[in-house]
Amino acid sequence: MTRVHAAAPVHIFLLILLAFLFTSLSPQYEVTGVLVDPDQTPVAGLSVMLYNDKDEQIASDQTDSEGRFSLLYQVEPTSADPVGGPDMPSEFKLGSSYPNPFNPRTTVPFYAPENTRAVITVHNILGQQVMRTQADVGAGSHEIQVNLGGRLSQGQYILRVQGDGFSLTQSMTFVSAGISSG
């Protein structure tokens, strides 16, 4: 996670616009913004620093008379494979929901090997659809948040995720209030 730090004991609002500049081997990024005080007056002469997730400073600048700053930094590539490597699944995968049993919501991880439209439905044991949503998802790992709180009785429910060339299901147990595992 990258964070921006302004070295001053004043309450400021930070407006950041991200603009991406790419070089051939090492992508270069620019973070620009304007620092203003609570009255929306530009803050001049303030040091602004950008840190990476290892808490290392990777860029710094000082605000000008209009509160503007610009931080340029480079990121070293870690993989030549845009999807994440040769060990990534080549087909859609549906992980186990957690917590299960649940009340009122559970999380279901899944992996999509390519961009797709996923249709997510939940059915009761009589086969009646009780929830439906759909989303365009990119290749990679994702999570489905299922919230059945307050609308349905406790019991077994079937989650189905469908898309181009796949349809996967799994069982989930919805429990009444006071019995939840998470």
N, C-alpha and C. Protein backbone atom coordinates (compact mmCIF):
# COMPACT_ATOMS: atom_id res chain seq x y z
N MET A 1 0.85 -1.17 0.00
CA MET A 1 0.00 0.00 0.00
C MET A 1 0.89 1.23 0.00
N THR A 2 0.61 2.17 -0.83
CA THR A 2 1.37 3.40 -0.92
C THR A 2 0.64 4.49 -0.16
N ARG A 3 1.40 5.32 0.58
CA ARG A 3 0.76 6.40 1.31
C ARG A 3 1.49 7.70 1.04
N VAL A 4 0.79 8.80 1.17
CA VAL A 4 1.35 10.13 1.00
C VAL A 4 1.39 10.76 2.38
N HIS A 5 2.50 11.42 2.72
CA HIS A 5 2.66 12.04 4.02
C HIS A 5 2.96 13.52 3.83
N ALA A 6 2.21 14.39 4.48
CA ALA A 6 2.47 15.82 4.45
C ALA A 6 3.05 16.21 5.81
N ALA A 7 4.26 16.76 5.82
CA ALA A 7 4.97 17.06 7.07
C ALA A 7 4.57 18.41 7.61
N ALA A 8 3.42 18.48 8.27
CA ALA A 8 2.97 19.72 8.90
C ALA A 8 1.84 19.39 9.85
N PRO A 9 1.76 20.09 10.99
CA PRO A 9 0.71 19.78 11.96
C PRO A 9 -0.59 20.51 11.68
N VAL A 10 -0.96 20.67 10.43
CA VAL A 10 -2.20 21.35 10.09
C VAL A 10 -3.17 20.35 9.48
N HIS A 11 -4.44 20.62 9.66
CA HIS A 11 -5.47 19.76 9.07
C HIS A 11 -5.61 20.14 7.60
N ILE A 12 -5.34 19.17 6.71
CA ILE A 12 -5.38 19.48 5.29
C ILE A 12 -6.27 18.49 4.54
N PHE A 13 -6.74 18.94 3.42
CA PHE A 13 -7.47 18.05 2.52
C PHE A 13 -6.55 17.80 1.33
N LEU A 14 -6.42 16.55 0.98
CA LEU A 14 -5.50 16.18 -0.08
C LEU A 14 -6.30 15.71 -1.29
N LEU A 15 -6.12 16.42 -2.39
CA LEU A 15 -6.76 16.03 -3.64
C LEU A 15 -5.68 15.44 -4.53
N ILE A 16 -5.83 14.17 -4.87
CA ILE A 16 -4.80 13.51 -5.66
C ILE A 16 -5.38 13.07 -7.00
N LEU A 17 -4.68 13.42 -8.02
CA LEU A 17 -5.01 12.95 -9.35
C LEU A 17 -3.88 12.04 -9.80
N LEU A 18 -4.21 10.85 -10.26
CA LEU A 18 -3.18 9.91 -10.68
C LEU A 18 -3.06 9.95 -12.20
N ALA A 19 -1.84 10.08 -12.65
CA ALA A 19 -1.56 10.03 -14.08
C ALA A 19 -0.44 9.02 -14.27
N PHE A 20 -0.60 8.11 -15.18
CA PHE A 20 0.39 7.06 -15.35
C PHE A 20 1.22 7.33 -16.61
N LEU A 21 2.51 7.35 -16.42
CA LEU A 21 3.46 7.49 -17.51
C LEU A 21 4.27 6.21 -17.59
N PHE A 22 4.42 5.64 -18.75
CA PHE A 22 5.12 4.38 -18.87
C PHE A 22 6.43 4.55 -19.65
N THR A 23 7.45 3.86 -19.17
CA THR A 23 8.71 3.78 -19.90
C THR A 23 8.85 2.35 -20.38
N SER A 24 9.85 2.07 -21.18
CA SER A 24 9.96 0.75 -21.79
C SER A 24 10.20 -0.36 -20.78
N LEU A 25 11.06 -0.20 -19.80
CA LEU A 25 11.37 -1.27 -18.87
C LEU A 25 10.76 -1.08 -17.49
N SER A 26 10.75 0.10 -17.01
CA SER A 26 10.29 0.36 -15.65
C SER A 26 9.21 1.44 -15.68
N PRO A 27 7.96 1.05 -15.42
CA PRO A 27 6.89 2.05 -15.49
C PRO A 27 7.13 3.22 -14.54
N GLN A 28 6.86 4.41 -15.02
CA GLN A 28 6.99 5.60 -14.20
C GLN A 28 5.60 6.15 -13.95
N TYR A 29 5.34 6.53 -12.71
CA TYR A 29 4.04 7.04 -12.32
C TYR A 29 4.18 8.45 -11.77
N GLU A 30 3.10 9.21 -11.88
CA GLU A 30 3.09 10.56 -11.33
C GLU A 30 1.84 10.72 -10.48
N VAL A 31 2.03 11.20 -9.27
CA VAL A 31 0.92 11.55 -8.39
C VAL A 31 0.95 13.06 -8.26
N THR A 32 -0.15 13.71 -8.62
CA THR A 32 -0.23 15.16 -8.50
C THR A 32 -1.42 15.51 -7.62
N GLY A 33 -1.36 16.67 -7.03
CA GLY A 33 -2.47 17.09 -6.19
C GLY A 33 -2.32 18.51 -5.73
N VAL A 34 -3.28 18.95 -4.95
CA VAL A 34 -3.29 20.29 -4.38
C VAL A 34 -3.61 20.14 -2.90
N LEU A 35 -2.80 20.76 -2.05
CA LEU A 35 -3.05 20.76 -0.61
C LEU A 35 -3.73 22.06 -0.23
N VAL A 36 -4.84 21.92 0.49
CA VAL A 36 -5.57 23.10 0.97
C VAL A 36 -5.89 22.91 2.44
N ASP A 37 -6.08 24.03 3.15
CA ASP A 37 -6.46 23.97 4.56
C ASP A 37 -7.99 23.83 4.64
N PRO A 38 -8.55 23.73 5.85
CA PRO A 38 -10.00 23.55 5.97
C PRO A 38 -10.83 24.66 5.32
N ASP A 39 -10.26 25.86 5.13
CA ASP A 39 -10.97 26.95 4.47
C ASP A 39 -10.77 26.94 2.96
N GLN A 40 -10.16 25.87 2.44
CA GLN A 40 -9.88 25.70 1.01
C GLN A 40 -8.83 26.68 0.50
N THR A 41 -7.97 27.19 1.39
CA THR A 41 -6.86 28.06 1.00
C THR A 41 -5.65 27.19 0.69
N PRO A 42 -5.00 27.37 -0.46
CA PRO A 42 -3.82 26.57 -0.79
C PRO A 42 -2.74 26.69 0.29
N VAL A 43 -2.07 25.57 0.58
CA VAL A 43 -0.99 25.54 1.56
C VAL A 43 0.33 25.51 0.79
N ALA A 44 1.12 26.57 0.89
CA ALA A 44 2.39 26.69 0.16
C ALA A 44 3.55 26.25 1.05
N GLY A 45 4.62 25.75 0.40
CA GLY A 45 5.86 25.43 1.10
C GLY A 45 5.80 24.19 1.98
N LEU A 46 4.87 23.30 1.75
CA LEU A 46 4.72 22.10 2.56
C LEU A 46 5.40 20.93 1.88
N SER A 47 6.18 20.16 2.62
CA SER A 47 6.82 18.96 2.08
C SER A 47 5.79 17.84 1.97
N VAL A 48 5.77 17.18 0.81
CA VAL A 48 4.87 16.05 0.57
C VAL A 48 5.75 14.87 0.18
N MET A 49 5.56 13.73 0.86
CA MET A 49 6.37 12.55 0.60
C MET A 49 5.49 11.36 0.30
N LEU A 50 5.94 10.47 -0.59
CA LEU A 50 5.22 9.27 -0.98
C LEU A 50 6.04 8.07 -0.51
N TYR A 51 5.37 7.12 0.17
CA TYR A 51 6.03 5.93 0.70
C TYR A 51 5.43 4.69 0.06
N ASN A 52 6.25 3.63 -0.08
CA ASN A 52 5.74 2.36 -0.59
C ASN A 52 5.27 1.50 0.59
N ASP A 53 4.86 0.27 0.29
CA ASP A 53 4.34 -0.60 1.34
C ASP A 53 5.41 -1.09 2.30
N LYS A 54 6.68 -0.86 2.01
CA LYS A 54 7.78 -1.21 2.92
C LYS A 54 8.19 -0.01 3.76
N ASP A 55 7.38 1.05 3.71
CA ASP A 55 7.62 2.29 4.45
C ASP A 55 8.89 3.00 4.00
N GLU A 56 9.25 2.81 2.73
CA GLU A 56 10.41 3.49 2.15
C GLU A 56 9.92 4.69 1.35
N GLN A 57 10.58 5.83 1.53
CA GLN A 57 10.21 7.02 0.76
C GLN A 57 10.63 6.82 -0.68
N ILE A 58 9.69 7.01 -1.61
CA ILE A 58 10.01 6.80 -3.03
C ILE A 58 9.89 8.08 -3.85
N ALA A 59 9.34 9.14 -3.27
CA ALA A 59 9.25 10.42 -3.97
C ALA A 59 8.93 11.52 -2.96
N SER A 60 9.35 12.75 -3.30
CA SER A 60 9.01 13.89 -2.44
C SER A 60 8.96 15.16 -3.29
N ASP A 61 8.24 16.14 -2.79
CA ASP A 61 8.12 17.44 -3.46
C ASP A 61 7.69 18.45 -2.40
N GLN A 62 7.68 19.70 -2.80
CA GLN A 62 7.22 20.77 -1.92
C GLN A 62 6.12 21.53 -2.66
N THR A 63 5.04 21.85 -1.94
CA THR A 63 3.92 22.54 -2.58
C THR A 63 4.35 23.94 -3.02
N ASP A 64 3.81 24.37 -4.17
CA ASP A 64 4.11 25.71 -4.67
C ASP A 64 3.13 26.72 -4.06
N SER A 65 3.14 27.94 -4.56
CA SER A 65 2.31 29.00 -3.98
C SER A 65 0.81 28.72 -4.13
N GLU A 66 0.44 27.81 -5.03
CA GLU A 66 -0.97 27.45 -5.21
C GLU A 66 -1.30 26.10 -4.58
N GLY A 67 -0.36 25.57 -3.77
CA GLY A 67 -0.58 24.31 -3.08
C GLY A 67 -0.36 23.07 -3.92
N ARG A 68 0.11 23.24 -5.16
CA ARG A 68 0.30 22.11 -6.07
C ARG A 68 1.58 21.35 -5.77
N PHE A 69 1.53 20.03 -6.02
CA PHE A 69 2.73 19.20 -5.91
C PHE A 69 2.68 18.13 -6.99
N SER A 70 3.85 17.54 -7.28
CA SER A 70 3.97 16.48 -8.27
C SER A 70 5.02 15.49 -7.78
N LEU A 71 4.64 14.23 -7.67
CA LEU A 71 5.55 13.19 -7.21
C LEU A 71 5.75 12.18 -8.34
N LEU A 72 6.99 12.02 -8.81
CA LEU A 72 7.33 11.05 -9.84
C LEU A 72 8.07 9.89 -9.20
N TYR A 73 7.68 8.66 -9.57
CA TYR A 73 8.39 7.49 -9.05
C TYR A 73 8.30 6.36 -10.06
N GLN A 74 9.21 5.39 -9.92
CA GLN A 74 9.24 4.24 -10.82
C GLN A 74 8.96 2.98 -10.03
N VAL A 75 8.39 1.99 -10.73
CA VAL A 75 8.11 0.70 -10.13
C VAL A 75 8.82 -0.35 -10.96
N GLU A 76 9.60 -1.19 -10.29
CA GLU A 76 10.29 -2.27 -10.98
C GLU A 76 9.32 -3.41 -11.24
N PRO A 77 9.27 -3.93 -12.48
CA PRO A 77 8.36 -5.05 -12.76
C PRO A 77 8.79 -6.30 -12.00
N THR A 78 7.80 -7.08 -11.56
CA THR A 78 8.11 -8.30 -10.82
C THR A 78 7.76 -9.55 -11.62
N SER A 79 7.03 -9.42 -12.71
CA SER A 79 6.65 -10.57 -13.51
C SER A 79 6.43 -10.13 -14.95
N ALA A 80 6.83 -10.98 -15.88
CA ALA A 80 6.58 -10.68 -17.29
C ALA A 80 5.22 -11.21 -17.72
N ASP A 81 4.58 -12.02 -16.87
CA ASP A 81 3.28 -12.60 -17.18
C ASP A 81 2.18 -11.69 -16.64
N PRO A 82 1.35 -11.09 -17.51
CA PRO A 82 0.35 -10.14 -17.05
C PRO A 82 -0.75 -10.76 -16.20
N VAL A 83 -0.96 -12.06 -16.26
CA VAL A 83 -2.03 -12.68 -15.48
C VAL A 83 -1.52 -13.16 -14.13
N GLY A 84 -0.24 -13.33 -13.95
CA GLY A 84 0.26 -13.73 -12.65
C GLY A 84 1.17 -14.94 -12.65
N GLY A 85 1.41 -15.57 -13.78
CA GLY A 85 2.37 -16.65 -13.80
C GLY A 85 1.78 -17.92 -14.39
N PRO A 86 2.66 -18.87 -14.72
CA PRO A 86 2.22 -20.10 -15.35
C PRO A 86 1.46 -21.02 -14.41
N ASP A 87 1.54 -20.82 -13.07
CA ASP A 87 0.87 -21.69 -12.12
C ASP A 87 -0.57 -21.27 -11.84
N MET A 88 -1.05 -20.21 -12.48
CA MET A 88 -2.41 -19.75 -12.25
C MET A 88 -3.37 -20.73 -12.93
N PRO A 89 -4.55 -20.96 -12.33
CA PRO A 89 -5.51 -21.90 -12.93
C PRO A 89 -5.92 -21.47 -14.33
N SER A 90 -6.18 -22.44 -15.18
CA SER A 90 -6.61 -22.15 -16.54
C SER A 90 -8.13 -22.22 -16.68
N GLU A 91 -8.82 -22.51 -15.59
CA GLU A 91 -10.28 -22.56 -15.61
C GLU A 91 -10.85 -21.86 -14.38
N PHE A 92 -12.12 -21.57 -14.44
CA PHE A 92 -12.80 -20.89 -13.34
C PHE A 92 -12.78 -21.77 -12.10
N LYS A 93 -12.46 -21.20 -10.94
CA LYS A 93 -12.41 -21.94 -9.67
C LYS A 93 -13.27 -21.22 -8.64
N LEU A 94 -14.02 -21.98 -7.87
CA LEU A 94 -14.86 -21.44 -6.81
C LEU A 94 -14.34 -21.97 -5.48
N GLY A 95 -13.94 -21.06 -4.57
CA GLY A 95 -13.41 -21.46 -3.27
C GLY A 95 -14.53 -21.69 -2.26
N SER A 96 -14.16 -22.16 -1.08
CA SER A 96 -15.13 -22.42 -0.01
C SER A 96 -15.55 -21.12 0.65
N SER A 97 -16.84 -21.00 0.92
CA SER A 97 -17.35 -19.79 1.57
C SER A 97 -16.89 -19.75 3.02
N TYR A 98 -16.70 -18.54 3.52
CA TYR A 98 -16.32 -18.36 4.92
C TYR A 98 -16.96 -17.10 5.46
N PRO A 99 -17.44 -17.10 6.68
CA PRO A 99 -17.64 -18.30 7.51
C PRO A 99 -18.81 -19.12 6.95
N ASN A 100 -18.85 -20.38 7.30
CA ASN A 100 -19.93 -21.26 6.92
C ASN A 100 -20.07 -22.31 8.01
N PRO A 101 -21.13 -22.27 8.81
CA PRO A 101 -22.36 -21.50 8.70
C PRO A 101 -22.14 -20.00 8.90
N PHE A 102 -23.13 -19.20 8.45
CA PHE A 102 -22.98 -17.75 8.50
C PHE A 102 -24.27 -17.06 8.91
N ASN A 103 -24.13 -15.81 9.37
CA ASN A 103 -25.25 -14.92 9.69
C ASN A 103 -24.69 -13.53 9.87
N PRO A 104 -25.05 -12.56 9.13
CA PRO A 104 -25.98 -12.59 8.01
C PRO A 104 -25.28 -12.70 6.66
N ARG A 105 -23.93 -12.68 6.66
CA ARG A 105 -23.24 -12.67 5.37
C ARG A 105 -22.05 -13.63 5.37
N THR A 106 -21.67 -14.01 4.16
CA THR A 106 -20.52 -14.88 3.96
C THR A 106 -19.74 -14.39 2.73
N THR A 107 -18.50 -14.79 2.64
CA THR A 107 -17.63 -14.40 1.53
C THR A 107 -17.23 -15.66 0.76
N VAL A 108 -17.32 -15.57 -0.57
CA VAL A 108 -16.97 -16.71 -1.42
C VAL A 108 -15.87 -16.27 -2.38
N PRO A 109 -14.65 -16.81 -2.23
CA PRO A 109 -13.57 -16.46 -3.16
C PRO A 109 -13.72 -17.23 -4.47
N PHE A 110 -13.31 -16.60 -5.57
CA PHE A 110 -13.29 -17.31 -6.84
C PHE A 110 -12.18 -16.75 -7.72
N TYR A 111 -11.80 -17.54 -8.72
CA TYR A 111 -10.75 -17.15 -9.67
C TYR A 111 -11.32 -17.26 -11.08
N ALA A 112 -11.14 -16.21 -11.87
CA ALA A 112 -11.54 -16.21 -13.28
C ALA A 112 -10.27 -16.16 -14.14
N PRO A 113 -10.08 -17.11 -15.05
CA PRO A 113 -8.87 -17.12 -15.88
C PRO A 113 -8.86 -16.04 -16.95
N GLU A 114 -10.03 -15.45 -17.24
CA GLU A 114 -10.11 -14.39 -18.25
C GLU A 114 -11.29 -13.49 -17.91
N ASN A 115 -11.39 -12.37 -18.60
CA ASN A 115 -12.51 -11.45 -18.39
C ASN A 115 -13.81 -12.17 -18.74
N THR A 116 -14.81 -12.01 -17.88
CA THR A 116 -16.09 -12.68 -18.10
C THR A 116 -17.20 -11.96 -17.37
N ARG A 117 -18.43 -12.28 -17.72
CA ARG A 117 -19.60 -11.81 -16.97
C ARG A 117 -20.02 -12.97 -16.09
N ALA A 118 -20.00 -12.76 -14.78
CA ALA A 118 -20.40 -13.79 -13.82
C ALA A 118 -21.81 -13.48 -13.32
N VAL A 119 -22.67 -14.50 -13.35
CA VAL A 119 -24.02 -14.39 -12.81
C VAL A 119 -24.05 -15.21 -11.53
N ILE A 120 -24.36 -14.57 -10.41
CA ILE A 120 -24.34 -15.21 -9.11
C ILE A 120 -25.78 -15.31 -8.61
N THR A 121 -26.21 -16.54 -8.29
CA THR A 121 -27.55 -16.75 -7.76
C THR A 121 -27.47 -17.57 -6.49
N VAL A 122 -28.45 -17.38 -5.61
CA VAL A 122 -28.60 -18.20 -4.41
C VAL A 122 -30.01 -18.77 -4.44
N HIS A 123 -30.11 -20.08 -4.19
CA HIS A 123 -31.40 -20.79 -4.21
C HIS A 123 -31.62 -21.47 -2.86
N ASN A 124 -32.89 -21.56 -2.44
CA ASN A 124 -33.20 -22.33 -1.24
C ASN A 124 -33.29 -23.80 -1.62
N ILE A 125 -33.56 -24.68 -0.63
CA ILE A 125 -33.55 -26.12 -0.93
C ILE A 125 -34.74 -26.55 -1.79
N LEU A 126 -35.73 -25.68 -1.97
CA LEU A 126 -36.84 -25.96 -2.87
C LEU A 126 -36.52 -25.56 -4.30
N GLY A 127 -35.34 -24.98 -4.51
CA GLY A 127 -34.92 -24.56 -5.84
C GLY A 127 -35.36 -23.15 -6.21
N GLN A 128 -35.98 -22.44 -5.27
CA GLN A 128 -36.43 -21.07 -5.52
C GLN A 128 -35.26 -20.11 -5.43
N GLN A 129 -35.15 -19.24 -6.42
CA GLN A 129 -34.08 -18.23 -6.41
C GLN A 129 -34.41 -17.17 -5.38
N VAL A 130 -33.45 -16.90 -4.46
CA VAL A 130 -33.68 -15.89 -3.41
C VAL A 130 -32.75 -14.69 -3.56
N MET A 131 -31.76 -14.81 -4.42
CA MET A 131 -30.84 -13.69 -4.67
C MET A 131 -30.23 -13.86 -6.05
N ARG A 132 -30.03 -12.74 -6.75
CA ARG A 132 -29.37 -12.77 -8.06
C ARG A 132 -28.62 -11.47 -8.26
N THR A 133 -27.40 -11.60 -8.76
CA THR A 133 -26.62 -10.43 -9.14
C THR A 133 -25.69 -10.85 -10.27
N GLN A 134 -25.15 -9.88 -10.97
CA GLN A 134 -24.18 -10.19 -12.03
C GLN A 134 -23.13 -9.10 -12.06
N ALA A 135 -21.97 -9.48 -12.56
CA ALA A 135 -20.86 -8.52 -12.62
C ALA A 135 -19.91 -8.91 -13.73
N ASP A 136 -19.32 -7.90 -14.36
CA ASP A 136 -18.22 -8.13 -15.29
C ASP A 136 -16.96 -8.18 -14.45
N VAL A 137 -16.23 -9.28 -14.53
CA VAL A 137 -15.01 -9.44 -13.73
C VAL A 137 -13.82 -9.65 -14.65
N GLY A 138 -12.67 -9.15 -14.24
CA GLY A 138 -11.44 -9.33 -14.97
C GLY A 138 -10.77 -10.63 -14.57
N ALA A 139 -9.75 -11.01 -15.32
CA ALA A 139 -8.99 -12.20 -14.98
C ALA A 139 -8.33 -12.01 -13.62
N GLY A 140 -8.36 -13.04 -12.79
CA GLY A 140 -7.72 -12.97 -11.49
C GLY A 140 -8.64 -13.39 -10.36
N SER A 141 -8.20 -13.13 -9.13
CA SER A 141 -8.93 -13.53 -7.93
C SER A 141 -9.96 -12.47 -7.53
N HIS A 142 -11.11 -12.93 -7.08
CA HIS A 142 -12.21 -12.06 -6.69
C HIS A 142 -12.92 -12.66 -5.48
N GLU A 143 -13.84 -11.89 -4.89
CA GLU A 143 -14.67 -12.39 -3.79
C GLU A 143 -16.11 -11.97 -4.03
N ILE A 144 -17.03 -12.85 -3.70
CA ILE A 144 -18.46 -12.57 -3.74
C ILE A 144 -18.91 -12.38 -2.30
N GLN A 145 -19.58 -11.28 -2.00
CA GLN A 145 -20.15 -11.05 -0.68
C GLN A 145 -21.63 -11.40 -0.76
N VAL A 146 -22.06 -12.41 -0.01
CA VAL A 146 -23.46 -12.83 0.01
C VAL A 146 -24.05 -12.41 1.35
N ASN A 147 -25.12 -11.60 1.30
CA ASN A 147 -25.77 -11.11 2.52
C ASN A 147 -27.24 -11.53 2.47
N LEU A 148 -27.62 -12.47 3.34
CA LEU A 148 -29.00 -12.95 3.40
C LEU A 148 -29.71 -12.42 4.63
N GLY A 149 -29.06 -11.54 5.39
CA GLY A 149 -29.58 -11.07 6.67
C GLY A 149 -31.00 -10.56 6.66
N GLY A 150 -31.78 -11.06 7.62
CA GLY A 150 -33.10 -10.55 7.90
C GLY A 150 -34.20 -10.93 6.93
N ARG A 151 -33.89 -11.50 5.79
CA ARG A 151 -34.92 -11.76 4.79
C ARG A 151 -35.36 -13.21 4.73
N LEU A 152 -34.50 -14.12 5.15
CA LEU A 152 -34.76 -15.54 4.91
C LEU A 152 -34.67 -16.36 6.19
N SER A 153 -35.25 -17.54 6.13
CA SER A 153 -35.17 -18.43 7.28
C SER A 153 -33.85 -19.18 7.25
N GLN A 154 -33.47 -19.69 8.43
CA GLN A 154 -32.20 -20.43 8.48
C GLN A 154 -32.34 -21.73 7.72
N GLY A 155 -31.19 -22.23 7.25
CA GLY A 155 -31.19 -23.49 6.52
C GLY A 155 -30.11 -23.52 5.46
N GLN A 156 -30.20 -24.54 4.61
CA GLN A 156 -29.23 -24.74 3.54
C GLN A 156 -29.62 -23.90 2.32
N TYR A 157 -28.62 -23.31 1.69
CA TYR A 157 -28.81 -22.55 0.46
C TYR A 157 -27.73 -22.97 -0.53
N ILE A 158 -28.04 -22.87 -1.80
CA ILE A 158 -27.10 -23.24 -2.86
C ILE A 158 -26.67 -21.98 -3.60
N LEU A 159 -25.36 -21.75 -3.65
CA LEU A 159 -24.79 -20.64 -4.41
C LEU A 159 -24.38 -21.18 -5.77
N ARG A 160 -24.77 -20.49 -6.84
CA ARG A 160 -24.36 -20.87 -8.18
C ARG A 160 -23.69 -19.67 -8.84
N VAL A 161 -22.53 -19.92 -9.44
CA VAL A 161 -21.83 -18.89 -10.21
C VAL A 161 -21.73 -19.42 -11.64
N GLN A 162 -22.27 -18.64 -12.59
CA GLN A 162 -22.28 -19.06 -13.99
C GLN A 162 -21.65 -18.00 -14.86
N GLY A 163 -21.06 -18.45 -15.95
CA GLY A 163 -20.47 -17.54 -16.92
C GLY A 163 -20.24 -18.26 -18.23
N ASP A 164 -19.44 -17.68 -19.09
CA ASP A 164 -19.13 -18.29 -20.38
C ASP A 164 -18.37 -19.60 -20.17
N GLY A 165 -19.02 -20.73 -20.39
CA GLY A 165 -18.35 -22.01 -20.32
C GLY A 165 -18.19 -22.59 -18.93
N PHE A 166 -18.82 -22.04 -17.91
CA PHE A 166 -18.71 -22.63 -16.57
C PHE A 166 -19.99 -22.41 -15.78
N SER A 167 -20.24 -23.33 -14.87
CA SER A 167 -21.33 -23.22 -13.91
C SER A 167 -20.91 -24.04 -12.69
N LEU A 168 -20.67 -23.36 -11.57
CA LEU A 168 -20.22 -24.03 -10.36
C LEU A 168 -21.19 -23.72 -9.22
N THR A 169 -21.38 -24.71 -8.34
CA THR A 169 -22.28 -24.53 -7.20
C THR A 169 -21.59 -24.96 -5.91
N GLN A 170 -22.13 -24.44 -4.80
CA GLN A 170 -21.69 -24.89 -3.49
C GLN A 170 -22.80 -24.65 -2.48
N SER A 171 -22.80 -25.44 -1.43
CA SER A 171 -23.80 -25.34 -0.38
C SER A 171 -23.33 -24.39 0.71
N MET A 172 -24.29 -23.62 1.26
CA MET A 172 -23.98 -22.70 2.36
C MET A 172 -25.08 -22.87 3.41
N THR A 173 -24.73 -22.68 4.69
CA THR A 173 -25.70 -22.80 5.77
C THR A 173 -25.92 -21.45 6.42
N PHE A 174 -27.17 -20.96 6.35
CA PHE A 174 -27.56 -19.69 6.97
C PHE A 174 -28.19 -20.03 8.32
N VAL A 175 -27.69 -19.41 9.41
CA VAL A 175 -28.20 -19.68 10.75
C VAL A 175 -28.87 -18.44 11.33
N SER A 176 -29.78 -18.67 12.28
CA SER A 176 -30.49 -17.56 12.93
C SER A 176 -29.55 -16.75 13.80
N ALA A 177 -29.96 -15.53 14.13
CA ALA A 177 -29.18 -14.63 14.99
C ALA A 177 -28.84 -15.34 16.30
N GLY A 178 -27.62 -15.10 16.80
CA GLY A 178 -27.17 -15.68 18.05
C GLY A 178 -26.44 -16.99 17.89
N ILE A 179 -26.43 -17.56 16.67
CA ILE A 179 -25.76 -18.83 16.44
C ILE A 179 -24.59 -18.67 15.48
N SER A 180 -24.34 -17.46 15.04
CA SER A 180 -23.35 -17.18 14.01
C SER A 180 -21.94 -17.55 14.45
N SER A 181 -21.13 -17.98 13.46
CA SER A 181 -19.72 -18.24 13.72
C SER A 181 -18.87 -17.05 13.34
N GLY A 182 -19.43 -15.96 12.84
CA GLY A 182 -18.62 -14.80 12.49
C GLY A 182 -19.37 -13.65 11.99
